[in-house]
Amino acid sequence: MDPQDHDRFRDFVDARWSALLRLANLLTGGDRHEAEDLLQTALMKALGRWRQVEDPESYVRKVMYRQQVSRWRLRRPHREPTFASPPEGLGVSDGTSAADLRIAVGQALARLTPRQRTVLVLRYFEDLSETEVARVLGCSVGTVRSTTHRSLARLRRLAPELGAPASSGAPAELATTTTTRGPAPRGAHT
């Protein structure tokens, strides 16, 4: 790698580290160490192909998706984290409701299986279509639809406070948000 490529890579990492780490954090269910490992693995793979990579951000994100899929395909035993009681007062208008909502969503996502979490992150946080998620995960669109449906149902059971209407204008439910690609998937609404 020549010095110019090295500088370009370093600038990319400096500029995008936080955003990519947030994605890795979502994909790993909030495990900071696993998120950092996932991101560093993706960056190392990008570094090895840096001259061929046209869109570095897209490339690193795809590597993270695929790496996470490889992790859950290893079929390690699923451990469900335990948390203190869910945050109360999600609808309180004291300025903390958005933070409480993020914490509740993060805790609920952490309790999903890695596959369920990955599908929801790709569909709703990364705003990928069902077809794009299927291509990234190497499965059928039907599998993405059914996994999304089951994941949202489990998310509702794990975090019923996310489905309660909030007076602060926070979304009434994660699954009912619409994306720029269209409405929530079939079966996502109750």
C-alpha atoms as a PDB file:
ATOM      1  CA  MET A   1       0.000   0.000   0.000  1.00  0.00           C
ATOM      2  CA  ASP A   2       1.439   3.317  -1.001  1.00  0.00           C
ATOM      3  CA  PRO A   3       1.391   6.319   1.369  1.00  0.00           C
ATOM      4  CA  GLN A   4      -1.496   7.987  -0.491  1.00  0.00           C
ATOM      5  CA  ASP A   5      -3.711   4.889  -0.128  1.00  0.00           C
ATOM      6  CA  HIS A   6      -2.669   4.584   3.501  1.00  0.00           C
ATOM      7  CA  ASP A   7      -3.727   8.194   4.153  1.00  0.00           C
ATOM      8  CA  ARG A   8      -7.013   7.676   2.322  1.00  0.00           C
ATOM      9  CA  PHE A   9      -7.770   4.576   4.397  1.00  0.00           C
ATOM     10  CA  ARG A  10      -6.860   6.333   7.653  1.00  0.00           C
ATOM     11  CA  ASP A  11      -9.074   9.302   6.735  1.00  0.00           C
ATOM     12  CA  PHE A  12     -11.958   6.955   5.950  1.00  0.00           C
ATOM     13  CA  VAL A  13     -11.603   5.164   9.301  1.00  0.00           C
ATOM     14  CA  ASP A  14     -11.355   8.462  11.191  1.00  0.00           C
ATOM     15  CA  ALA A  15     -14.446   9.860   9.485  1.00  0.00           C
ATOM     16  CA  ARG A  16     -16.689   6.770   9.604  1.00  0.00           C
ATOM     17  CA  TRP A  17     -15.580   4.891  12.752  1.00  0.00           C
ATOM     18  CA  SER A  18     -18.467   6.069  14.962  1.00  0.00           C
ATOM     19  CA  ALA A  19     -21.224   5.330  12.457  1.00  0.00           C
ATOM     20  CA  LEU A  20     -19.790   1.929  11.593  1.00  0.00           C
ATOM     21  CA  LEU A  21     -19.340   1.080  15.276  1.00  0.00           C
ATOM     22  CA  ARG A  22     -23.017   1.932  15.918  1.00  0.00           C
ATOM     23  CA  LEU A  23     -24.008  -0.525  13.187  1.00  0.00           C
ATOM     24  CA  ALA A  24     -21.665  -3.184  14.586  1.00  0.00           C
ATOM     25  CA  ASN A  25     -23.128  -2.570  18.041  1.00  0.00           C
ATOM     26  CA  LEU A  26     -26.637  -3.189  16.705  1.00  0.00           C
ATOM     27  CA  LEU A  27     -25.547  -6.308  14.850  1.00  0.00           C
ATOM     28  CA  THR A  28     -23.882  -7.808  17.920  1.00  0.00           C
ATOM     29  CA  GLY A  29     -26.707  -7.001  20.298  1.00  0.00           C
ATOM     30  CA  GLY A  30     -24.897  -4.314  22.225  1.00  0.00           C
ATOM     31  CA  ASP A  31     -21.756  -6.263  23.071  1.00  0.00           C
ATOM     32  CA  ARG A  32     -19.136  -3.517  22.752  1.00  0.00           C
ATOM     33  CA  HIS A  33     -16.180  -5.908  22.500  1.00  0.00           C
ATOM     34  CA  GLU A  34     -17.819  -8.059  19.830  1.00  0.00           C
ATOM     35  CA  ALA A  35     -18.839  -4.905  17.960  1.00  0.00           C
ATOM     36  CA  GLU A  36     -15.268  -3.626  17.934  1.00  0.00           C
ATOM     37  CA  ASP A  37     -14.004  -7.041  16.801  1.00  0.00           C
ATOM     38  CA  LEU A  38     -16.592  -7.151  14.030  1.00  0.00           C
ATOM     39  CA  LEU A  39     -15.688  -3.671  12.796  1.00  0.00           C
ATOM     40  CA  GLN A  40     -11.948  -4.290  12.990  1.00  0.00           C
ATOM     41  CA  THR A  41     -12.321  -7.537  11.041  1.00  0.00           C
ATOM     42  CA  ALA A  42     -14.289  -5.713   8.348  1.00  0.00           C
ATOM     43  CA  LEU A  43     -11.727  -2.904   8.192  1.00  0.00           C
ATOM     44  CA  MET A  44      -8.864  -5.381   7.877  1.00  0.00           C
ATOM     45  CA  LYS A  45     -10.625  -7.063   4.964  1.00  0.00           C
ATOM     46  CA  ALA A  46     -11.220  -3.664   3.367  1.00  0.00           C
ATOM     47  CA  LEU A  47      -7.581  -2.723   3.857  1.00  0.00           C
ATOM     48  CA  GLY A  48      -6.474  -5.850   2.000  1.00  0.00           C
ATOM     49  CA  ARG A  49      -8.583  -4.878  -1.012  1.00  0.00           C
ATOM     50  CA  TRP A  50      -8.382  -1.101  -0.636  1.00  0.00           C
ATOM     51  CA  ARG A  51      -7.275  -0.398  -4.216  1.00  0.00           C
ATOM     52  CA  GLN A  52     -10.194  -2.375  -5.677  1.00  0.00           C
ATOM     53  CA  VAL A  53     -12.869  -0.922  -3.376  1.00  0.00           C
ATOM     54  CA  GLU A  54     -14.948   1.746  -5.115  1.00  0.00           C
ATOM     55  CA  ASP A  55     -17.317   2.568  -2.225  1.00  0.00           C
ATOM     56  CA  PRO A  56     -15.479   1.918   1.066  1.00  0.00           C
ATOM     57  CA  GLU A  57     -18.478   2.466   3.358  1.00  0.00           C
ATOM     58  CA  SER A  58     -20.702   0.092   1.427  1.00  0.00           C
ATOM     59  CA  TYR A  59     -17.932  -2.501   1.252  1.00  0.00           C
ATOM     60  CA  VAL A  60     -17.225  -2.388   5.004  1.00  0.00           C
ATOM     61  CA  ARG A  61     -20.942  -2.616   5.829  1.00  0.00           C
ATOM     62  CA  LYS A  62     -21.380  -5.671   3.585  1.00  0.00           C
ATOM     63  CA  VAL A  63     -18.348  -7.328   5.151  1.00  0.00           C
ATOM     64  CA  MET A  64     -19.826  -6.687   8.615  1.00  0.00           C
ATOM     65  CA  TYR A  65     -23.192  -8.180   7.578  1.00  0.00           C
ATOM     66  CA  ARG A  66     -21.558 -11.263   6.135  1.00  0.00           C
ATOM     67  CA  GLN A  67     -19.183 -11.645   9.058  1.00  0.00           C
ATOM     68  CA  GLN A  68     -22.093 -11.455  11.494  1.00  0.00           C
ATOM     69  CA  VAL A  69     -24.020 -14.015   9.455  1.00  0.00           C
ATOM     70  CA  SER A  70     -20.990 -16.309   9.602  1.00  0.00           C
ATOM     71  CA  ARG A  71     -20.909 -15.920  13.374  1.00  0.00           C
ATOM     72  CA  TRP A  72     -24.521 -16.947  13.881  1.00  0.00           C
ATOM     73  CA  ARG A  73     -24.206 -19.776  11.419  1.00  0.00           C
ATOM     74  CA  LEU A  74     -21.545 -21.305  13.650  1.00  0.00           C
ATOM     75  CA  ARG A  75     -24.495 -22.222  15.865  1.00  0.00           C
ATOM     76  CA  ARG A  76     -22.927 -21.220  19.116  1.00  0.00           C
ATOM     77  CA  PRO A  77     -25.314 -21.610  22.016  1.00  0.00           C
ATOM     78  CA  HIS A  78     -27.468 -18.515  22.342  1.00  0.00           C
ATOM     79  CA  ARG A  79     -27.112 -16.741  25.622  1.00  0.00           C
ATOM     80  CA  GLU A  80     -29.825 -14.290  26.472  1.00  0.00           C
ATOM     81  CA  PRO A  81     -28.558 -11.301  28.429  1.00  0.00           C
ATOM     82  CA  THR A  82     -30.383 -10.241  31.530  1.00  0.00           C
ATOM     83  CA  PHE A  83     -31.202  -6.651  32.285  1.00  0.00           C
ATOM     84  CA  ALA A  84     -32.691  -4.701  35.094  1.00  0.00           C
ATOM     85  CA  SER A  85     -36.336  -3.765  34.661  1.00  0.00           C
ATOM     86  CA  PRO A  86     -37.095  -1.977  31.408  1.00  0.00           C
ATOM     87  CA  PRO A  87     -36.883   1.795  31.464  1.00  0.00           C
ATOM     88  CA  GLU A  88     -40.011   3.431  32.768  1.00  0.00           C
ATOM     89  CA  GLY A  89     -41.553   6.607  31.503  1.00  0.00           C
ATOM     90  CA  LEU A  90     -40.844   6.229  27.801  1.00  0.00           C
ATOM     91  CA  GLY A  91     -43.450   8.924  27.192  1.00  0.00           C
ATOM     92  CA  VAL A  92     -42.099  11.431  29.717  1.00  0.00           C
ATOM     93  CA  SER A  93     -41.371  14.785  28.090  1.00  0.00           C
ATOM     94  CA  ASP A  94     -38.345  15.633  30.220  1.00  0.00           C
ATOM     95  CA  GLY A  95     -35.885  15.244  27.352  1.00  0.00           C
ATOM     96  CA  THR A  96     -34.828  11.720  28.269  1.00  0.00           C
ATOM     97  CA  SER A  97     -37.560   9.809  26.459  1.00  0.00           C
ATOM     98  CA  ALA A  98     -35.514   9.474  23.242  1.00  0.00           C
ATOM     99  CA  ALA A  99     -32.588   8.084  25.220  1.00  0.00           C
ATOM    100  CA  ASP A 100     -34.922   5.748  27.118  1.00  0.00           C
ATOM    101  CA  LEU A 101     -36.377   4.552  23.827  1.00  0.00           C
ATOM    102  CA  ARG A 102     -32.901   3.875  22.392  1.00  0.00           C
ATOM    103  CA  ILE A 103     -31.957   1.939  25.526  1.00  0.00           C
ATOM    104  CA  ALA A 104     -35.178  -0.105  25.419  1.00  0.00           C
ATOM    105  CA  VAL A 105     -34.721  -0.907  21.719  1.00  0.00           C
ATOM    106  CA  GLY A 106     -31.075  -1.840  22.289  1.00  0.00           C
ATOM    107  CA  GLN A 107     -31.941  -4.102  25.205  1.00  0.00           C
ATOM    108  CA  ALA A 108     -34.739  -5.784  23.274  1.00  0.00           C
ATOM    109  CA  LEU A 109     -32.514  -6.307  20.225  1.00  0.00           C
ATOM    110  CA  ALA A 110     -29.826  -7.826  22.443  1.00  0.00           C
ATOM    111  CA  ARG A 111     -32.313 -10.459  23.594  1.00  0.00           C
ATOM    112  CA  LEU A 112     -33.151 -11.587  20.056  1.00  0.00           C
ATOM    113  CA  THR A 113     -31.211 -14.375  18.408  1.00  0.00           C
ATOM    114  CA  PRO A 114     -28.328 -13.152  16.244  1.00  0.00           C
ATOM    115  CA  ARG A 115     -30.241 -14.083  13.092  1.00  0.00           C
ATOM    116  CA  GLN A 116     -33.390 -12.225  14.181  1.00  0.00           C
ATOM    117  CA  ARG A 117     -31.360  -9.194  15.221  1.00  0.00           C
ATOM    118  CA  THR A 118     -29.423  -9.142  11.949  1.00  0.00           C
ATOM    119  CA  VAL A 119     -32.581  -9.267   9.837  1.00  0.00           C
ATOM    120  CA  LEU A 120     -34.242  -6.441  11.801  1.00  0.00           C
ATOM    121  CA  VAL A 121     -31.108  -4.283  11.732  1.00  0.00           C
ATOM    122  CA  LEU A 122     -30.749  -4.717   7.980  1.00  0.00           C
ATOM    123  CA  ARG A 123     -34.460  -4.075   7.301  1.00  0.00           C
ATOM    124  CA  TYR A 124     -35.184  -1.187   9.671  1.00  0.00           C
ATOM    125  CA  PHE A 125     -31.905   0.437  10.662  1.00  0.00           C
ATOM    126  CA  GLU A 126     -30.034  -0.042   7.386  1.00  0.00           C
ATOM    127  CA  ASP A 127     -33.220   0.419   5.331  1.00  0.00           C
ATOM    128  CA  LEU A 128     -32.552  -2.497   2.978  1.00  0.00           C
ATOM    129  CA  SER A 129     -35.365  -4.063   0.979  1.00  0.00           C
ATOM    130  CA  GLU A 130     -36.320  -7.700   1.537  1.00  0.00           C
ATOM    131  CA  THR A 131     -34.563  -8.599  -1.704  1.00  0.00           C
ATOM    132  CA  GLU A 132     -31.361  -6.844  -0.615  1.00  0.00           C
ATOM    133  CA  VAL A 133     -31.443  -8.523   2.806  1.00  0.00           C
ATOM    134  CA  ALA A 134     -31.949 -11.913   1.142  1.00  0.00           C
ATOM    135  CA  ARG A 135     -28.966 -11.287  -1.129  1.00  0.00           C
ATOM    136  CA  VAL A 136     -26.742 -10.174   1.779  1.00  0.00           C
ATOM    137  CA  LEU A 137     -27.743 -13.120   3.966  1.00  0.00           C
ATOM    138  CA  GLY A 138     -27.730 -15.684   1.176  1.00  0.00           C
ATOM    139  CA  CYS A 139     -31.316 -16.808   1.699  1.00  0.00           C
ATOM    140  CA  SER A 140     -34.699 -16.461   0.012  1.00  0.00           C
ATOM    141  CA  VAL A 141     -36.993 -13.449   0.236  1.00  0.00           C
ATOM    142  CA  GLY A 142     -39.562 -15.707   1.912  1.00  0.00           C
ATOM    143  CA  THR A 143     -37.060 -16.550   4.627  1.00  0.00           C
ATOM    144  CA  VAL A 144     -36.432 -12.836   5.194  1.00  0.00           C
ATOM    145  CA  ARG A 145     -40.191 -12.192   5.424  1.00  0.00           C
ATOM    146  CA  SER A 146     -40.863 -15.001   7.870  1.00  0.00           C
ATOM    147  CA  THR A 147     -37.819 -14.168   9.994  1.00  0.00           C
ATOM    148  CA  THR A 148     -38.866 -10.508  10.067  1.00  0.00           C
ATOM    149  CA  HIS A 149     -42.384 -11.452  11.134  1.00  0.00           C
ATOM    150  CA  ARG A 150     -41.192 -13.788  13.903  1.00  0.00           C
ATOM    151  CA  SER A 151     -38.543 -11.304  15.027  1.00  0.00           C
ATOM    152  CA  LEU A 152     -41.032  -8.445  15.326  1.00  0.00           C
ATOM    153  CA  ALA A 153     -43.443 -10.669  17.246  1.00  0.00           C
ATOM    154  CA  ARG A 154     -40.691 -11.665  19.661  1.00  0.00           C
ATOM    155  CA  LEU A 155     -39.547  -8.048  19.961  1.00  0.00           C
ATOM    156  CA  ARG A 156     -43.096  -7.054  20.927  1.00  0.00           C
ATOM    157  CA  ARG A 157     -43.173  -9.760  23.611  1.00  0.00           C
ATOM    158  CA  LEU A 158     -39.741  -8.836  24.981  1.00  0.00           C
ATOM    159  CA  ALA A 159     -40.363  -5.089  25.022  1.00  0.00           C
ATOM    160  CA  PRO A 160     -44.084  -4.336  25.258  1.00  0.00           C
ATOM    161  CA  GLU A 161     -43.225  -0.757  26.265  1.00  0.00           C
ATOM    162  CA  LEU A 162     -42.112  -0.130  22.680  1.00  0.00           C
ATOM    163  CA  GLY A 163     -45.645  -0.747  21.454  1.00  0.00           C
ATOM    164  CA  ALA A 164     -47.307   1.648  23.876  1.00  0.00           C
ATOM    165  CA  PRO A 165     -48.144   5.065  22.418  1.00  0.00           C
ATOM    166  CA  ALA A 166     -45.866   7.734  23.817  1.00  0.00           C
ATOM    167  CA  SER A 167     -46.950  11.295  24.490  1.00  0.00           C
ATOM    168  CA  SER A 168     -43.561  12.670  23.465  1.00  0.00           C
ATOM    169  CA  GLY A 169     -44.046  11.884  19.782  1.00  0.00           C
ATOM    170  CA  ALA A 170     -41.725   8.873  19.851  1.00  0.00           C
ATOM    171  CA  PRO A 171     -42.706   6.144  17.390  1.00  0.00           C
ATOM    172  CA  ALA A 172     -45.563   4.045  18.722  1.00  0.00           C
ATOM    173  CA  GLU A 173     -43.857   0.889  17.541  1.00  0.00           C
ATOM    174  CA  LEU A 174     -40.609  -0.001  15.826  1.00  0.00           C
ATOM    175  CA  ALA A 175     -42.388  -2.199  13.278  1.00  0.00           C
ATOM    176  CA  THR A 176     -44.820   0.449  12.070  1.00  0.00           C
ATOM    177  CA  THR A 177     -42.216   2.897  10.901  1.00  0.00           C
ATOM    178  CA  THR A 178     -42.066   3.325   7.178  1.00  0.00           C
ATOM    179  CA  THR A 179     -38.886   3.551   5.242  1.00  0.00           C
ATOM    180  CA  THR A 180     -37.963   5.363   2.076  1.00  0.00           C
ATOM    181  CA  ARG A 181     -38.284   2.007   0.331  1.00  0.00           C
ATOM    182  CA  GLY A 182     -41.923   1.478   1.308  1.00  0.00           C
ATOM    183  CA  PRO A 183     -44.138   0.400   4.178  1.00  0.00           C
ATOM    184  CA  ALA A 184     -43.251  -2.128   6.839  1.00  0.00           C
ATOM    185  CA  PRO A 185     -43.215  -5.730   5.579  1.00  0.00           C
ATOM    186  CA  ARG A 186     -46.412  -7.767   5.308  1.00  0.00           C
ATOM    187  CA  GLY A 187     -47.398  -9.101   8.700  1.00  0.00           C
ATOM    188  CA  ALA A 188     -45.381  -6.508  10.613  1.00  0.00           C
ATOM    189  CA  HIS A 189     -48.463  -4.752  11.952  1.00  0.00           C
ATOM    190  CA  THR A 190     -50.660  -6.233  14.650  1.00  0.00           C
END
